[in-house]
Amino acid sequence: MERTQPNARPEAPHHQSRSLARYGRAAASVEAQVRTWLGEIADRLEHNRPDEKLTDVARTAVLQATTMDPVLSRALRIAAPEIDAPISRREYAARLREIAGGSQ
């Protein structure tokens, strides 16, 4: 399609990543934000009813309450392990801290 036509659009570069072009985030900044959130979630789990069991539904609710951003939400869901066996909120917090890279 020539540029002189009324509906013509310039072509986007093929090397540009769609997610980075759309949301403007580098992978390193997404990973850093996810690590920060994992530590914050771990703190909340450990300080609020730490001995209660955490279900996968509760895990999902905590993750959804953390961010509505599509890129960050997906990265957070991937980083936070699914719950496939009974686990206390304190034990899950410890797992999140391990993933986040320290005891914060």
Protein backbone atom coordinates (compact mmCIF):
# COMPACT_ATOMS: atom_id res chain seq x y z
CA MET A 1 0.00 0.00 0.00
CA GLU A 2 1.45 3.34 -0.99
CA ARG A 3 1.66 6.21 1.52
CA THR A 4 -0.42 8.38 -0.80
CA GLN A 5 -3.49 6.21 -0.23
CA PRO A 6 -5.89 7.47 2.49
CA ASN A 7 -5.80 4.27 4.61
CA ALA A 8 -2.05 3.69 4.37
CA ARG A 9 -0.13 3.06 7.60
CA PRO A 10 3.61 2.93 8.11
CA GLU A 11 4.94 -0.55 8.79
CA ALA A 12 6.20 -1.28 12.31
CA PRO A 13 9.77 -2.57 12.57
CA HIS A 14 9.81 -6.37 12.66
CA HIS A 15 12.51 -6.53 15.33
CA GLN A 16 10.46 -4.65 17.90
CA SER A 17 8.84 -6.80 20.58
CA ARG A 18 5.07 -6.36 20.73
CA SER A 19 4.88 -6.46 24.53
CA LEU A 20 7.69 -3.98 25.02
CA ALA A 21 6.37 -1.74 22.28
CA ARG A 22 2.90 -1.77 23.77
CA TYR A 23 3.74 -1.50 27.46
CA GLY A 24 7.24 -0.02 27.36
CA ARG A 25 8.88 -2.31 29.94
CA ALA A 26 12.16 -4.13 29.90
CA ALA A 27 12.22 -7.69 31.22
CA ALA A 28 14.67 -6.73 34.00
CA SER A 29 12.31 -4.11 35.39
CA VAL A 30 9.38 -6.56 35.33
CA GLU A 31 11.46 -9.17 37.18
CA ALA A 32 12.58 -6.62 39.78
CA GLN A 33 9.00 -5.50 40.40
CA VAL A 34 7.81 -9.10 40.74
CA ARG A 35 10.57 -9.87 43.28
CA THR A 36 9.56 -6.82 45.31
CA TRP A 37 5.90 -7.87 45.27
CA LEU A 38 6.73 -11.44 46.26
CA GLY A 39 8.49 -10.09 49.35
CA GLU A 40 5.55 -7.83 50.18
CA ILE A 41 3.05 -10.67 49.74
CA ALA A 42 5.20 -12.88 51.95
CA ASP A 43 5.15 -10.20 54.66
CA ARG A 44 1.35 -9.95 54.53
CA LEU A 45 0.89 -13.73 54.65
CA GLU A 46 3.24 -14.11 57.57
CA HIS A 47 1.79 -11.25 59.62
CA ASN A 48 -1.90 -12.01 59.01
CA ARG A 49 -3.09 -15.44 60.22
CA PRO A 50 0.26 -17.17 59.53
CA ASP A 51 -0.85 -20.59 60.77
CA GLU A 52 -4.00 -20.82 58.61
CA LYS A 53 -3.95 -22.90 55.46
CA LEU A 54 -3.58 -21.08 52.15
CA THR A 55 -5.68 -22.38 49.27
CA ASP A 56 -5.00 -21.93 45.58
CA VAL A 57 -8.11 -19.73 45.36
CA ALA A 58 -6.68 -17.48 48.10
CA ARG A 59 -3.33 -17.42 46.28
CA THR A 60 -5.08 -16.26 43.12
CA ALA A 61 -6.97 -13.56 45.04
CA VAL A 62 -3.76 -12.25 46.61
CA LEU A 63 -2.05 -12.08 43.22
CA GLN A 64 -5.03 -10.33 41.58
CA ALA A 65 -5.19 -7.80 44.41
CA THR A 66 -1.52 -6.96 43.87
CA THR A 67 -1.74 -5.65 40.30
CA MET A 68 -4.14 -5.32 37.40
CA ASP A 69 -1.35 -4.61 34.91
CA PRO A 70 -1.48 -7.40 32.30
CA VAL A 71 2.29 -7.81 31.89
CA LEU A 72 3.10 -7.66 35.59
CA SER A 73 0.11 -9.79 36.57
CA ARG A 74 1.19 -12.57 34.22
CA ALA A 75 4.78 -12.43 35.45
CA LEU A 76 3.60 -12.52 39.08
CA ARG A 77 1.36 -15.55 38.44
CA ILE A 78 4.25 -17.37 36.80
CA ALA A 79 6.65 -16.56 39.65
CA ALA A 80 4.33 -17.50 42.53
CA PRO A 81 4.11 -21.30 42.76
CA GLU A 82 0.71 -22.95 42.56
CA ILE A 83 -0.59 -24.67 45.65
CA ASP A 84 -1.00 -28.40 45.12
CA ALA A 85 -0.86 -29.61 48.75
CA PRO A 86 -1.95 -28.19 52.10
CA ILE A 87 0.39 -25.38 53.14
CA SER A 88 0.24 -22.69 55.81
CA ARG A 89 0.46 -19.02 54.95
CA ARG A 90 3.82 -18.89 56.80
CA GLU A 91 5.25 -21.81 54.79
CA TYR A 92 4.07 -20.26 51.53
CA ALA A 93 5.60 -16.93 52.58
CA ALA A 94 8.94 -18.70 53.05
CA ARG A 95 8.67 -20.15 49.54
CA LEU A 96 7.93 -16.70 48.11
CA ARG A 97 10.94 -15.22 49.89
CA GLU A 98 13.15 -17.96 48.48
CA ILE A 99 11.93 -17.14 44.98
CA ALA A 100 12.33 -13.40 45.59
CA GLY A 101 15.94 -14.01 46.51
CA GLY A 102 16.26 -13.49 50.23
CA SER A 103 14.62 -13.13 53.59
CA GLN A 104 13.84 -9.37 53.25
